[in-house]
Amino acid sequence: MTDKEEMPVVCNEIGAGMIAKMFLAGARSLEAKKEWINELNVFPVPDGDTGTNMTMTVLSAAREVAALKDPDMKELSRAIASGSLRGARGNSGVILSQLFRGFTKGIEGYTRITVPVFADAFTKAVETAYKAVMKPKEGTILTVARSGAERAAQLSEEGEENLEVFFREILEHMEYTLNQTPEILPVLAQAGVVDSGGQGLLEVLKGAVDAFLGKETDYAPILPVSANDREEMPAVAETAEIRFGYCTEFIIMTERPVERRREEALKTYLESIGDSLIVVADEEVIKVHVHTNDPGLAIQKALTYGQLSHMKIDNMRLEHQEKLFRQAEKPPEEKPHKAMGFVAVCAGEGLCRIFRELGADEIIEGGQTMNPSTEDMLQAIRAVAADTVFILPNNKNVVMAAQQARDMTDDKKVIVMPCHSVPQGITAIVSYVPELSAEENESSMLEEIGHVKTGQITYAVRDTSVNGREIRQGDYMGIDDTGIVAVSSHLERAVLETVGVMADDGTELLSIYYGKEVKAEDAEAVKEKIERKYPKLDIELQDGGQPVYYYLLSAE
């Protein structure tokens, strides 16, 4: 039987062609559900992490698979593993890439895949993913994946040979496990959601099984060209990832509070014409951010809700192309070789400038809402002319991608500092002493990072309850190293309450970095109020220009 023949009622083995088709269908399934998966986030912060990160990870591999012409199992396995490893973004994306890596190790030596081979590959996938995580947490994507592998092994031992029965049993068992994740992690139960990473994995497998069963899938949204043109597929330009070309932002000024029903109707419409949607409604204002190919449609719809202000439309494809042209026009710089160098991840002109002034050799623009990929890390590492490269991820959801890049680098020593925030990264690079060895610097930086308390002020994207604290959509939230510590409908109050939690008798310095949505005079007013309340504190105020967070705070 070949993969092109009609699928019989009982199918006991499949080849590389069907595996490729299933993988692409799984990628399409995840892509179609990414925004829903994003909304499963436990904390109501505007990060859009899990669904987006997992999708971009699998799409990186899907493009490599789509470029292959009639691959054998080894070629296919290499494309899936390499594409997902390099494209991995965020912790969820890195774990997914490790699952693919382990799975392909289990199938690459075969021409036909049977139940026992699948069962062994599922086991290898889970073992590889668990090894990649320093402190595996149950109730997550790892638990869901492990339950699937255990069920696969059980079915193989029982002598099951029919792949359709095998796949359905595994999906059913994984879905049951996913629904149990709130019982394993109380924070999920409190938020009323299942684990988002586990849900993303399940969507990949559902799409793959649908393809196996013969369901037709439209691959166009995930491929740079038609699947029929794979023979002559050109290299994929980075702009292919920009599906909706215009970043559109505006504020709707309403005469009275908008009913929840109408607000949801606006969201539904905007989601139908774009992605990367953020809608935050206040009593008389609705803030909108959406990526779309037709900003006019978004504006026309918004006008039915009220008058518009602060309208801003950027052509992301054009900006990206201009950036590439500028980079291409620049002659390569000969950088003097040195013993140690730095790569820092940050977003915002002010923060990027600060890291450069402090000695960062390469800046990767990203962080919350746009986690850089492993490939982004690898390119930055290669660009640093140093024997040892320190990476400052500055976000807990970027650390694993940095570690994966470290493990894929063999010509330099790479040290990933566990900086979970920008203030920690700044403290780390300030603590660097060129005269010390890499090991001595790593030790002293780790010690200094431990003395930093971090605070972040952002807004809630939905109604929820966290640790008994009721949060309404649009509320301002103060988040420190332990979680949400302040919730208020007033931005200034949220800042002051957060500082109140962070500052104690031992605090000497408070650094404040204000974001791009904050006016300089408003930031100065906040600083003055903090100075009056804490006269002994040395307070520094700087323009960070960061998105998402109105303020970043650092107490030392």
Protein backbone atom coordinates (compact mmCIF):
# COMPACT_ATOMS: atom_id res chain seq x y z
CA MET A 1 0.00 0.00 0.00
CA THR A 2 1.29 3.50 -0.83
CA ASP A 3 0.22 6.73 0.85
CA LYS A 4 -1.52 7.85 -2.34
CA GLU A 5 -3.83 4.86 -2.41
CA GLU A 6 -7.25 4.99 -0.80
CA MET A 7 -6.98 4.45 2.95
CA PRO A 8 -8.38 1.02 3.91
CA VAL A 9 -10.58 0.48 6.93
CA VAL A 10 -7.65 -1.13 8.74
CA CYS A 11 -4.27 0.58 8.34
CA ASN A 12 -1.28 -0.88 10.16
CA GLU A 13 1.59 1.16 8.72
CA ILE A 14 2.31 4.47 7.00
CA GLY A 15 5.31 6.04 5.24
CA ALA A 16 7.10 9.38 5.07
CA GLY A 17 4.54 10.92 2.71
CA MET A 18 1.70 10.44 5.17
CA ILE A 19 3.84 11.57 8.13
CA ALA A 20 4.62 14.81 6.26
CA LYS A 21 0.94 15.33 5.45
CA MET A 22 -0.02 14.73 9.08
CA PHE A 23 2.62 17.14 10.34
CA LEU A 24 1.48 19.93 8.04
CA ALA A 25 -2.16 19.34 9.01
CA GLY A 26 -1.17 19.47 12.68
CA ALA A 27 0.57 22.81 12.08
CA ARG A 28 -2.54 24.15 10.34
CA SER A 29 -4.78 22.96 13.19
CA LEU A 30 -2.65 24.76 15.76
CA GLU A 31 -2.45 27.91 13.65
CA ALA A 32 -6.24 28.04 13.41
CA LYS A 33 -6.62 27.86 17.21
CA LYS A 34 -3.68 30.01 18.33
CA GLU A 35 -5.70 33.02 19.52
CA TRP A 36 -8.04 30.80 21.54
CA ILE A 37 -5.02 29.10 23.11
CA ASN A 38 -3.54 32.51 23.93
CA GLU A 39 -6.70 33.30 25.88
CA LEU A 40 -6.14 30.28 28.14
CA ASN A 41 -3.31 32.14 29.81
CA VAL A 42 -3.65 31.96 33.59
CA PHE A 43 -2.76 35.57 34.29
CA PRO A 44 -4.82 38.22 32.44
CA VAL A 45 -1.73 40.00 31.10
CA PRO A 46 -1.41 41.07 27.45
CA ASP A 47 1.35 38.63 26.52
CA GLY A 48 -0.32 36.43 23.88
CA ASP A 49 2.37 33.85 24.53
CA THR A 50 1.50 30.18 24.29
CA GLY A 51 -0.61 29.90 21.15
CA THR A 52 1.55 32.33 19.19
CA ASN A 53 4.85 30.80 20.34
CA MET A 54 3.80 27.21 19.64
CA THR A 55 2.39 28.20 16.25
CA MET A 56 5.53 30.04 15.13
CA THR A 57 7.62 27.09 16.32
CA VAL A 58 5.68 24.52 14.31
CA LEU A 59 5.38 26.82 11.27
CA SER A 60 9.16 27.11 11.13
CA ALA A 61 9.32 23.34 10.74
CA ALA A 62 6.29 23.22 8.42
CA ARG A 63 8.03 25.46 5.91
CA GLU A 64 11.04 23.15 5.84
CA VAL A 65 8.80 20.13 5.40
CA ALA A 66 6.84 21.83 2.61
CA ALA A 67 10.07 22.57 0.76
CA LEU A 68 10.96 18.87 0.52
CA LYS A 69 10.13 16.91 -2.63
CA ASP A 70 9.20 13.28 -1.96
CA PRO A 71 11.38 13.00 1.20
CA ASP A 72 12.44 9.79 2.87
CA MET A 73 11.94 9.37 6.62
CA LYS A 74 15.44 10.59 7.52
CA GLU A 75 15.12 13.79 5.45
CA LEU A 76 11.66 14.45 6.86
CA SER A 77 12.82 13.86 10.43
CA ARG A 78 15.74 16.25 9.95
CA ALA A 79 13.45 18.96 8.58
CA ILE A 80 10.97 18.65 11.45
CA ALA A 81 13.64 18.57 14.15
CA SER A 82 15.86 21.32 12.72
CA GLY A 83 12.99 23.62 11.74
CA SER A 84 11.27 23.42 15.11
CA LEU A 85 14.48 23.71 17.15
CA ARG A 86 15.60 26.86 15.32
CA GLY A 87 12.13 28.37 15.21
CA ALA A 88 11.29 27.64 18.85
CA ARG A 89 9.90 30.63 20.75
CA GLY A 90 9.00 30.85 24.41
CA ASN A 91 9.00 28.00 26.89
CA SER A 92 6.01 26.31 25.28
CA GLY A 93 7.65 26.47 21.85
CA VAL A 94 10.94 25.08 23.14
CA ILE A 95 9.16 22.16 24.84
CA LEU A 96 7.19 21.48 21.65
CA SER A 97 10.43 21.51 19.63
CA GLN A 98 11.98 19.02 22.04
CA LEU A 99 8.95 16.75 21.69
CA PHE A 100 9.40 16.84 17.90
CA ARG A 101 13.13 16.25 18.29
CA GLY A 102 12.64 13.15 20.41
CA PHE A 103 9.81 11.86 18.20
CA THR A 104 11.86 12.15 15.00
CA LYS A 105 14.73 10.28 16.65
CA GLY A 106 12.31 7.41 17.10
CA ILE A 107 11.17 7.28 13.46
CA GLU A 108 14.15 8.41 11.37
CA GLY A 109 15.54 4.89 10.92
CA TYR A 110 12.36 3.40 9.45
CA THR A 111 10.68 3.47 6.07
CA ARG A 112 7.27 2.37 7.37
CA ILE A 113 5.84 3.35 10.76
CA THR A 114 3.77 0.89 12.80
CA VAL A 115 2.17 1.03 16.23
CA PRO A 116 5.31 -0.23 18.07
CA VAL A 117 7.47 2.35 16.27
CA PHE A 118 5.01 5.14 17.07
CA ALA A 119 4.86 4.04 20.72
CA ASP A 120 8.67 4.10 20.99
CA ALA A 121 8.84 7.49 19.26
CA PHE A 122 6.23 8.95 21.64
CA THR A 123 8.28 7.71 24.59
CA LYS A 124 11.49 9.24 23.17
CA ALA A 125 9.63 12.52 22.61
CA VAL A 126 8.57 12.76 26.24
CA GLU A 127 11.97 11.72 27.59
CA THR A 128 13.68 14.39 25.46
CA ALA A 129 11.27 17.12 26.54
CA TYR A 130 11.54 16.30 30.24
CA LYS A 131 15.35 16.37 30.04
CA ALA A 132 15.23 19.83 28.45
CA VAL A 133 13.33 21.34 31.40
CA MET A 134 15.40 21.99 34.50
CA LYS A 135 12.44 21.73 36.89
CA PRO A 136 9.57 19.93 35.10
CA LYS A 137 6.17 21.01 36.37
CA GLU A 138 3.23 18.62 36.27
CA GLY A 139 -0.16 19.82 35.12
CA THR A 140 1.42 21.27 31.99
CA ILE A 141 2.12 20.25 28.38
CA LEU A 142 4.65 17.74 29.75
CA THR A 143 1.96 15.89 31.70
CA VAL A 144 -0.35 15.77 28.70
CA ALA A 145 2.45 14.50 26.46
CA ARG A 146 3.51 11.87 28.99
CA SER A 147 -0.03 10.54 29.32
CA GLY A 148 -0.16 10.09 25.53
CA ALA A 149 3.15 8.24 25.51
CA GLU A 150 2.06 5.97 28.36
CA ARG A 151 -1.19 5.11 26.59
CA ALA A 152 0.71 4.45 23.35
CA ALA A 153 3.07 2.06 25.12
CA GLN A 154 0.13 0.28 26.74
CA LEU A 155 -1.67 -0.18 23.43
CA SER A 156 1.49 -1.49 21.80
CA GLU A 157 2.04 -3.99 24.60
CA GLU A 158 -1.58 -5.15 24.24
CA GLY A 159 -0.92 -5.96 20.60
CA GLU A 160 -2.99 -3.21 18.98
CA GLU A 161 -2.03 -2.87 15.31
CA ASN A 162 -4.73 -0.67 13.77
CA LEU A 163 -3.34 2.87 13.62
CA GLU A 164 -6.82 4.45 13.55
CA VAL A 165 -7.74 2.78 16.85
CA PHE A 166 -4.27 3.61 18.21
CA PHE A 167 -4.54 7.34 17.40
CA ARG A 168 -8.11 7.71 18.67
CA GLU A 169 -7.27 6.02 21.98
CA ILE A 170 -4.24 8.27 22.51
CA LEU A 171 -6.19 11.44 21.72
CA GLU A 172 -8.99 10.43 24.05
CA HIS A 173 -6.56 9.71 26.88
CA MET A 174 -4.62 12.97 26.37
CA GLU A 175 -7.85 14.99 26.31
CA TYR A 176 -8.88 13.38 29.59
CA THR A 177 -5.48 14.27 31.09
CA LEU A 178 -5.73 17.83 29.80
CA ASN A 179 -9.08 18.24 31.54
CA GLN A 180 -7.42 17.05 34.77
CA THR A 181 -4.69 19.72 34.69
CA PRO A 182 -6.73 22.16 36.84
CA GLU A 183 -6.79 19.50 39.57
CA ILE A 184 -3.00 19.22 39.39
CA LEU A 185 -2.29 22.96 39.26
CA PRO A 186 -4.61 24.98 41.54
CA VAL A 187 -3.77 28.18 39.64
CA LEU A 188 -5.47 26.69 36.57
CA ALA A 189 -8.58 25.84 38.58
CA GLN A 190 -8.68 29.34 40.01
CA ALA A 191 -8.51 30.87 36.53
CA GLY A 192 -11.05 28.37 35.18
CA VAL A 193 -8.82 27.13 32.34
CA VAL A 194 -6.87 24.05 31.29
CA ASP A 195 -3.15 24.21 30.56
CA SER A 196 -2.64 26.22 27.37
CA GLY A 197 0.48 24.32 26.27
CA GLY A 198 -1.29 21.00 26.69
CA GLN A 199 -4.22 22.33 24.66
CA GLY A 200 -1.84 23.43 21.92
CA LEU A 201 -0.23 20.00 21.75
CA LEU A 202 -3.64 18.37 21.54
CA GLU A 203 -4.61 20.64 18.62
CA VAL A 204 -1.48 19.56 16.72
CA LEU A 205 -2.33 15.90 17.20
CA LYS A 206 -5.99 16.39 16.31
CA GLY A 207 -5.00 17.97 13.01
CA ALA A 208 -2.53 15.17 12.31
CA VAL A 209 -5.10 12.46 12.99
CA ASP A 210 -7.68 14.23 10.81
CA ALA A 211 -5.19 14.12 7.93
CA PHE A 212 -4.58 10.42 8.56
CA LEU A 213 -8.34 9.82 8.38
CA GLY A 214 -8.50 11.59 5.02
CA LYS A 215 -9.90 14.98 6.01
CA GLU A 216 -8.94 17.67 3.48
CA THR A 217 -6.90 20.55 4.90
CA ASP A 218 -6.23 23.98 3.44
CA TYR A 219 -2.49 24.47 3.90
CA ALA A 220 -2.35 27.90 2.22
CA PRO A 221 -2.38 29.94 5.47
CA ILE A 222 0.78 28.23 6.75
CA LEU A 223 2.82 27.81 3.57
CA PRO A 224 4.74 30.49 1.68
CA VAL A 225 3.55 29.04 -1.66
CA SER A 226 1.03 26.47 -2.83
CA ALA A 227 1.84 22.89 -1.89
CA ASN A 228 1.72 22.12 -5.64
CA ASP A 229 4.74 24.37 -6.18
CA ARG A 230 7.05 22.67 -3.69
CA GLU A 231 9.47 21.55 -6.41
CA GLU A 232 10.40 25.14 -7.19
CA MET A 233 9.89 26.58 -3.72
CA PRO A 234 12.21 29.54 -3.15
CA ALA A 235 13.75 30.42 0.17
CA VAL A 236 11.10 31.91 2.44
CA ALA A 237 11.53 35.61 3.11
CA GLU A 238 10.95 36.68 6.67
CA THR A 239 8.08 38.86 5.51
CA ALA A 240 6.14 35.67 4.74
CA GLU A 241 5.49 35.44 8.46
CA ILE A 242 3.65 38.79 8.34
CA ARG A 243 0.21 37.51 7.39
CA PHE A 244 -1.59 40.79 8.13
CA GLY A 245 0.42 43.76 6.95
CA TYR A 246 -0.96 46.84 8.73
CA CYS A 247 -0.53 47.44 12.46
CA THR A 248 -3.64 49.48 13.26
CA GLU A 249 -4.22 51.31 16.54
CA PHE A 250 -6.86 53.78 17.66
CA ILE A 251 -9.00 54.85 20.59
CA ILE A 252 -12.80 54.89 20.40
CA MET A 253 -14.42 57.61 22.53
CA THR A 254 -17.89 56.46 23.50
CA GLU A 255 -20.63 58.59 25.01
CA ARG A 256 -21.54 55.90 27.54
CA PRO A 257 -20.10 52.56 28.74
CA VAL A 258 -20.21 49.87 26.06
CA GLU A 259 -22.24 46.78 26.89
CA ARG A 260 -20.23 43.57 27.16
CA ARG A 261 -22.26 42.11 24.29
CA ARG A 262 -21.28 44.95 21.92
CA GLU A 263 -17.66 44.81 23.06
CA GLU A 264 -17.53 41.09 22.26
CA ALA A 265 -19.17 41.77 18.88
CA LEU A 266 -16.39 44.27 18.09
CA LYS A 267 -13.74 41.72 19.06
CA THR A 268 -15.37 39.02 16.96
CA TYR A 269 -15.47 41.27 13.90
CA LEU A 270 -11.85 42.42 14.28
CA GLU A 271 -10.70 38.83 14.74
CA SER A 272 -12.40 37.96 11.44
CA ILE A 273 -10.24 40.50 9.55
CA GLY A 274 -6.94 40.21 11.40
CA ASP A 275 -4.92 38.95 14.35
CA SER A 276 -2.75 40.17 17.27
CA LEU A 277 -5.92 41.70 18.64
CA ILE A 278 -6.02 43.69 21.87
CA VAL A 279 -9.25 45.43 22.90
CA VAL A 280 -9.40 47.15 26.29
CA ALA A 281 -12.61 48.93 27.25
CA ASP A 282 -12.92 51.56 29.99
CA GLU A 283 -16.03 53.50 30.94
CA GLU A 284 -15.89 55.89 27.97
CA VAL A 285 -12.89 54.68 25.99
CA ILE A 286 -12.03 51.56 23.99
CA LYS A 287 -8.38 51.03 23.07
CA VAL A 288 -7.87 48.86 19.98
CA HIS A 289 -4.78 47.24 18.48
CA VAL A 290 -5.11 44.86 15.51
CA HIS A 291 -3.01 43.60 12.61
CA THR A 292 -5.09 43.53 9.42
CA ASN A 293 -4.79 43.78 5.66
CA ASP A 294 -7.62 46.35 5.48
CA PRO A 295 -7.40 49.06 8.18
CA GLY A 296 -10.40 50.79 6.61
CA LEU A 297 -12.72 47.97 7.60
CA ALA A 298 -11.54 48.18 11.21
CA ILE A 299 -12.01 51.94 11.25
CA GLN A 300 -15.47 51.77 9.67
CA LYS A 301 -16.59 49.28 12.30
CA ALA A 302 -15.11 51.37 15.11
CA LEU A 303 -16.97 54.47 13.94
CA THR A 304 -20.27 52.73 14.74
CA TYR A 305 -19.16 52.79 18.39
CA GLY A 306 -18.08 56.43 18.67
CA GLN A 307 -15.53 59.03 17.60
CA LEU A 308 -11.91 58.02 16.99
CA SER A 309 -8.66 59.52 18.24
CA HIS A 310 -4.94 58.59 18.41
CA MET A 311 -5.18 56.75 15.08
CA LYS A 312 -1.97 55.08 13.92
CA ILE A 313 -1.43 52.74 10.94
CA ASP A 314 1.98 51.21 10.14
CA ASN A 315 2.85 49.09 7.10
CA MET A 316 4.78 46.28 8.79
CA ARG A 317 5.86 44.62 5.54
CA LEU A 318 7.29 47.88 4.19
CA GLU A 319 9.03 48.67 7.47
CA HIS A 320 10.52 45.18 7.53
CA GLN A 321 11.75 45.45 3.92
CA GLU A 322 13.28 48.88 4.58
CA LYS A 323 15.05 47.46 7.60
CA LEU A 324 16.46 44.63 5.46
CA PHE A 325 17.58 47.11 2.79
CA ARG A 326 19.32 49.27 5.41
CA GLN A 327 21.05 46.22 6.82
CA ALA A 328 22.10 45.08 3.34
CA GLU A 329 23.54 48.51 2.51
CA LYS A 330 25.71 48.56 5.61
CA PRO A 331 29.21 47.18 5.01
CA PRO A 332 30.11 44.43 7.47
CA GLU A 333 31.91 45.86 10.48
CA GLU A 334 35.18 44.37 11.60
CA LYS A 335 34.72 43.95 15.32
CA PRO A 336 37.75 43.51 17.54
CA HIS A 337 37.84 40.08 19.15
CA LYS A 338 37.58 39.97 22.92
CA ALA A 339 37.31 37.50 25.72
CA MET A 340 33.69 38.11 26.72
CA GLY A 341 30.62 39.71 25.16
CA PHE A 342 26.91 40.21 25.79
CA VAL A 343 23.60 39.56 24.03
CA ALA A 344 20.56 41.24 25.60
CA VAL A 345 16.87 40.82 24.82
CA CYS A 346 14.70 43.89 25.30
CA ALA A 347 11.94 45.99 23.73
CA GLY A 348 11.74 49.77 23.67
CA GLU A 349 14.20 52.32 22.31
CA GLY A 350 15.15 53.56 25.75
CA LEU A 351 15.88 50.12 27.18
CA CYS A 352 17.83 49.06 24.08
CA ARG A 353 19.90 52.25 24.35
CA ILE A 354 20.61 51.58 28.03
CA PHE A 355 21.87 48.05 27.32
CA ARG A 356 24.08 49.29 24.47
CA GLU A 357 25.56 52.01 26.67
CA LEU A 358 26.25 49.41 29.35
CA GLY A 359 28.22 47.27 26.88
CA ALA A 360 25.80 44.87 25.19
CA ASP A 361 27.29 43.81 21.85
CA GLU A 362 24.05 42.58 20.29
CA ILE A 363 20.45 43.51 21.05
CA ILE A 364 17.57 41.18 20.17
CA GLU A 365 14.41 43.23 20.09
CA GLY A 366 11.69 41.27 21.83
CA GLY A 367 10.34 40.17 25.16
CA GLN A 368 6.72 40.10 26.25
CA THR A 369 4.30 39.50 23.33
CA MET A 370 7.20 38.84 20.94
CA ASN A 371 9.52 36.16 22.29
CA PRO A 372 12.61 35.77 20.07
CA SER A 373 13.32 32.39 18.51
CA THR A 374 16.27 30.08 19.03
CA GLU A 375 17.49 31.11 15.57
CA ASP A 376 17.40 34.78 16.63
CA MET A 377 19.62 33.82 19.55
CA LEU A 378 22.01 31.85 17.35
CA GLN A 379 22.43 34.75 14.93
CA ALA A 380 23.18 37.15 17.79
CA ILE A 381 25.69 34.74 19.33
CA ARG A 382 27.48 34.39 15.97
CA ALA A 383 27.64 38.18 15.63
CA VAL A 384 29.51 38.66 18.92
CA ALA A 385 33.27 38.52 18.39
CA ALA A 386 34.07 36.92 21.73
CA ASP A 387 35.16 33.57 23.15
CA THR A 388 32.44 33.66 25.81
CA VAL A 389 29.01 35.15 25.26
CA PHE A 390 26.64 36.01 28.11
CA ILE A 391 22.95 36.03 27.17
CA LEU A 392 20.54 38.21 29.17
CA PRO A 393 17.04 36.88 28.28
CA ASN A 394 15.31 39.45 30.55
CA ASN A 395 12.05 37.47 30.47
CA LYS A 396 11.31 34.09 32.00
CA ASN A 397 9.64 32.96 28.78
CA VAL A 398 12.83 33.59 26.79
CA VAL A 399 15.28 31.67 29.00
CA MET A 400 14.64 28.23 27.45
CA ALA A 401 15.14 29.48 23.87
CA ALA A 402 18.45 31.00 25.00
CA GLN A 403 19.46 27.71 26.62
CA GLN A 404 18.54 25.83 23.46
CA ALA A 405 20.73 28.21 21.42
CA ARG A 406 23.55 27.65 23.91
CA ASP A 407 23.30 23.88 23.43
CA MET A 408 23.39 24.32 19.64
CA THR A 409 26.60 26.43 19.74
CA ASP A 410 29.91 24.58 19.66
CA ASP A 411 32.47 27.26 18.68
CA LYS A 412 31.91 29.57 21.68
CA LYS A 413 31.15 29.25 25.32
CA VAL A 414 27.63 30.57 25.97
CA ILE A 415 26.40 31.43 29.46
CA VAL A 416 22.68 32.07 29.89
CA MET A 417 22.00 34.29 32.87
CA PRO A 418 18.61 33.49 34.46
CA CYS A 419 17.36 37.08 34.19
CA HIS A 420 13.55 37.04 34.32
CA SER A 421 13.17 40.79 33.91
CA VAL A 422 14.88 43.80 32.36
CA PRO A 423 15.96 45.22 35.76
CA GLN A 424 17.71 41.93 36.53
CA GLY A 425 19.47 42.08 33.17
CA ILE A 426 20.62 45.65 33.80
CA THR A 427 21.94 44.65 37.22
CA ALA A 428 23.79 41.70 35.68
CA ILE A 429 25.59 43.70 32.99
CA VAL A 430 26.40 46.53 35.44
CA SER A 431 28.05 43.91 37.68
CA TYR A 432 30.37 42.71 34.90
CA VAL A 433 34.09 43.20 35.56
CA PRO A 434 36.36 42.68 32.49
CA GLU A 435 39.36 41.73 34.64
CA LEU A 436 37.53 38.72 36.13
CA SER A 437 37.15 35.33 34.44
CA ALA A 438 33.88 34.25 32.83
CA GLU A 439 33.20 31.94 35.78
CA GLU A 440 33.88 34.67 38.33
CA ASN A 441 31.64 37.10 36.47
CA GLU A 442 28.85 34.54 36.24
CA SER A 443 29.03 33.96 39.99
CA SER A 444 29.03 37.66 40.90
CA MET A 445 26.20 38.44 38.45
CA LEU A 446 24.06 35.65 39.88
CA GLU A 447 24.61 37.03 43.37
CA GLU A 448 23.67 40.57 42.34
CA ILE A 449 20.57 39.41 40.44
CA GLY A 450 19.40 37.81 43.67
CA HIS A 451 19.30 41.21 45.36
CA VAL A 452 16.97 42.79 42.78
CA LYS A 453 13.23 43.11 43.33
CA THR A 454 11.24 43.65 40.16
CA GLY A 455 7.88 45.29 39.59
CA GLN A 456 5.84 45.63 36.40
CA ILE A 457 2.70 47.66 35.75
CA THR A 458 0.41 46.50 32.93
CA TYR A 459 -3.31 46.06 32.30
CA ALA A 460 -5.77 43.17 32.48
CA VAL A 461 -7.08 41.76 29.21
CA ARG A 462 -10.04 39.95 30.77
CA ASP A 463 -12.10 39.57 33.94
CA THR A 464 -10.71 36.96 36.31
CA SER A 465 -9.88 36.14 39.92
CA VAL A 466 -6.30 35.44 41.04
CA ASN A 467 -5.52 34.43 44.62
CA GLY A 468 -8.88 35.80 45.76
CA ARG A 469 -8.24 39.15 44.07
CA GLU A 470 -11.01 40.19 41.67
CA ILE A 471 -9.68 41.71 38.45
CA ARG A 472 -11.74 43.46 35.79
CA GLN A 473 -10.78 43.86 32.16
CA GLY A 474 -8.88 47.12 31.73
CA ASP A 475 -7.71 47.29 35.37
CA TYR A 476 -4.11 48.29 35.98
CA MET A 477 -2.10 45.55 37.66
CA GLY A 478 1.13 45.68 39.62
CA ILE A 479 3.13 42.45 39.41
CA ASP A 480 6.23 41.73 41.47
CA ASP A 481 8.41 38.62 41.71
CA THR A 482 5.70 36.78 43.65
CA GLY A 483 2.70 37.60 41.44
CA ILE A 484 -0.05 40.22 41.26
CA VAL A 485 0.27 42.62 44.22
CA ALA A 486 -1.86 45.59 43.14
CA VAL A 487 -5.05 46.08 41.12
CA SER A 488 -6.62 49.46 40.48
CA SER A 489 -8.64 51.37 37.93
CA HIS A 490 -6.09 54.18 38.31
CA LEU A 491 -2.58 53.75 36.89
CA GLU A 492 -0.83 55.98 39.40
CA ARG A 493 -2.42 54.16 42.33
CA ALA A 494 -1.31 50.79 40.96
CA VAL A 495 2.28 52.07 40.76
CA LEU A 496 2.26 53.42 44.31
CA GLU A 497 0.76 50.23 45.74
CA THR A 498 3.36 48.12 43.95
CA VAL A 499 6.22 50.27 45.23
CA GLY A 500 4.72 49.92 48.71
CA VAL A 501 5.05 46.14 48.47
CA MET A 502 8.56 46.23 47.01
CA ALA A 503 10.17 48.89 49.23
CA ASP A 504 11.27 47.86 52.71
CA ASP A 505 13.75 49.16 55.30
CA GLY A 506 16.66 47.71 53.36
CA THR A 507 15.74 49.29 50.02
CA GLU A 508 18.14 52.05 48.97
CA LEU A 509 17.58 52.50 45.23
CA LEU A 510 14.40 52.49 43.17
CA SER A 511 14.78 52.61 39.38
CA ILE A 512 11.71 53.49 37.30
CA TYR A 513 11.53 52.87 33.54
CA TYR A 514 8.43 54.30 31.95
CA GLY A 515 6.89 52.84 28.79
CA LYS A 516 5.91 54.26 25.43
CA GLU A 517 2.29 54.81 26.54
CA VAL A 518 3.36 57.09 29.42
CA LYS A 519 4.05 60.81 29.02
CA ALA A 520 7.28 62.10 30.55
CA GLU A 521 5.42 64.63 32.72
CA ASP A 522 3.15 61.90 34.10
CA ALA A 523 6.16 59.78 34.95
CA GLU A 524 7.77 62.74 36.72
CA ALA A 525 4.57 63.23 38.74
CA VAL A 526 4.65 59.59 39.83
CA LYS A 527 8.31 59.94 40.83
CA GLU A 528 7.56 63.02 42.93
CA LYS A 529 4.76 61.23 44.81
CA ILE A 530 7.06 58.28 45.55
CA GLU A 531 9.79 60.68 46.76
CA ARG A 532 7.36 62.36 49.17
CA LYS A 533 6.27 59.02 50.56
CA TYR A 534 9.78 57.50 50.70
CA PRO A 535 12.16 60.44 51.29
CA LYS A 536 15.14 58.17 52.08
CA LEU A 537 14.94 56.36 48.73
CA ASP A 538 17.32 57.26 45.92
CA ILE A 539 15.03 57.28 42.86
CA GLU A 540 16.12 57.15 39.23
CA LEU A 541 13.64 57.78 36.39
CA GLN A 542 14.43 56.74 32.82
CA ASP A 543 12.54 56.56 29.53
CA GLY A 544 12.39 52.85 28.69
CA GLY A 545 9.95 53.16 25.81
CA GLN A 546 8.84 49.56 26.37
CA PRO A 547 5.48 48.30 25.07
CA VAL A 548 2.90 46.43 27.19
CA TYR A 549 4.30 47.64 30.53
CA TYR A 550 3.52 51.20 31.59
CA TYR A 551 6.28 51.02 34.19
CA LEU A 552 9.13 48.68 35.06
CA LEU A 553 10.40 49.00 38.64
CA SER A 554 13.63 47.85 40.21
CA ALA A 555 14.29 47.96 43.96
CA GLU A 556 17.73 47.26 45.40
